[in-house]
Amino acid sequence: DSVYPKIVSSIQEAKARHSPIIAITTEGNKELADIADDCMYIPKSIDMLYPILAVVPTHLFAYYVALELGRDVDKPRNLAKSVTVE
């Protein structure tokens, strides 16, 4: 909530450049529902918990997009390099 106006401004800029917008927002947020092409809703909570609540639909979205694109979700590319580099 503390950075909400900045996020909305960034979304509007991306929308003006014809970018598809998929928003993860709290239940009942009609402002983002009007701006975004699609919305995923998480329950209302305190600010500190929003990243934890948002990570679940984000990971599920990434998983199902990868499946639709025919990617091997069990063997992501470049994972070994990023894990082994210290």
Protein backbone atom coordinates (compact mmCIF):
# COMPACT_ATOMS: atom_id res chain seq x y z
CA ASP A 1 0.00 0.00 0.00
CA SER A 2 2.86 2.40 0.66
CA VAL A 3 4.05 2.31 -2.98
CA TYR A 4 0.63 1.71 -4.58
CA PRO A 5 0.40 5.05 -6.45
CA LYS A 6 3.83 4.47 -8.04
CA ILE A 7 2.85 0.96 -9.11
CA VAL A 8 -0.38 2.20 -10.68
CA SER A 9 1.57 4.90 -12.53
CA SER A 10 4.03 2.31 -13.88
CA ILE A 11 1.18 0.05 -14.98
CA GLN A 12 -0.49 2.94 -16.79
CA GLU A 13 2.77 3.75 -18.60
CA ALA A 14 3.15 0.14 -19.71
CA LYS A 15 -0.50 0.05 -20.80
CA ALA A 16 0.02 3.23 -22.85
CA ARG A 17 2.76 1.34 -24.72
CA HIS A 18 0.25 -1.44 -25.50
CA SER A 19 1.79 -3.97 -23.09
CA PRO A 20 -0.49 -6.74 -21.83
CA ILE A 21 -1.03 -6.27 -18.10
CA ILE A 22 -1.63 -9.12 -15.66
CA ALA A 23 -1.97 -7.76 -12.14
CA ILE A 24 -1.77 -9.51 -8.79
CA THR A 25 -3.85 -7.43 -6.43
CA THR A 26 -5.98 -7.68 -3.32
CA GLU A 27 -9.57 -8.81 -3.40
CA GLY A 28 -11.93 -5.96 -4.18
CA ASN A 29 -9.40 -3.70 -5.92
CA LYS A 30 -11.51 -2.31 -8.75
CA GLU A 31 -8.95 0.32 -9.83
CA LEU A 32 -6.42 -2.24 -11.04
CA ALA A 33 -9.17 -4.44 -12.47
CA ASP A 34 -10.12 -1.52 -14.75
CA ILE A 35 -6.51 -0.94 -15.88
CA ALA A 36 -5.21 -4.51 -16.19
CA ASP A 37 -6.16 -6.99 -18.88
CA ASP A 38 -6.34 -9.78 -16.29
CA CYS A 39 -6.18 -9.86 -12.49
CA MET A 40 -5.22 -12.49 -9.95
CA TYR A 41 -6.54 -11.78 -6.48
CA ILE A 42 -4.94 -12.43 -3.10
CA PRO A 43 -6.58 -11.85 0.29
CA LYS A 44 -6.17 -8.54 2.08
CA SER A 45 -3.45 -8.60 4.71
CA ILE A 46 -0.71 -6.47 6.22
CA ASP A 47 1.93 -4.95 3.92
CA MET A 48 4.71 -7.26 5.08
CA LEU A 49 2.79 -10.40 4.02
CA TYR A 50 1.89 -9.33 0.47
CA PRO A 51 5.11 -10.65 -1.13
CA ILE A 52 4.53 -14.06 0.46
CA LEU A 53 0.90 -14.13 -0.62
CA ALA A 54 1.75 -13.00 -4.16
CA VAL A 55 4.48 -15.57 -4.75
CA VAL A 56 2.04 -18.50 -4.88
CA PRO A 57 -0.04 -17.30 -7.86
CA THR A 58 3.14 -15.98 -9.51
CA HIS A 59 4.81 -19.39 -9.37
CA LEU A 60 1.67 -21.19 -10.52
CA PHE A 61 1.30 -18.76 -13.40
CA ALA A 62 4.92 -19.28 -14.45
CA TYR A 63 4.51 -23.05 -14.18
CA TYR A 64 1.41 -23.22 -16.38
CA VAL A 65 2.80 -20.78 -18.95
CA ALA A 66 5.93 -22.94 -19.20
CA LEU A 67 3.77 -26.03 -19.71
CA GLU A 68 1.73 -24.30 -22.43
CA LEU A 69 4.94 -23.26 -24.18
CA GLY A 70 6.24 -26.82 -24.06
CA ARG A 71 9.13 -26.03 -21.71
CA ASP A 72 10.56 -28.71 -19.42
CA VAL A 73 9.67 -27.34 -15.99
CA ASP A 74 11.88 -29.91 -14.24
CA LYS A 75 15.02 -28.82 -16.09
CA PRO A 76 15.06 -25.02 -16.35
CA ARG A 77 17.75 -23.56 -18.57
CA ASN A 78 20.80 -21.89 -16.98
CA LEU A 79 19.88 -23.07 -13.49
CA ALA A 80 23.18 -24.87 -12.87
CA LYS A 81 25.17 -21.78 -13.76
CA SER A 82 23.22 -19.53 -11.41
CA VAL A 83 23.32 -22.03 -8.54
CA THR A 84 27.01 -22.94 -8.74
CA VAL A 85 28.41 -19.41 -9.18
CA GLU A 86 29.39 -18.00 -5.79
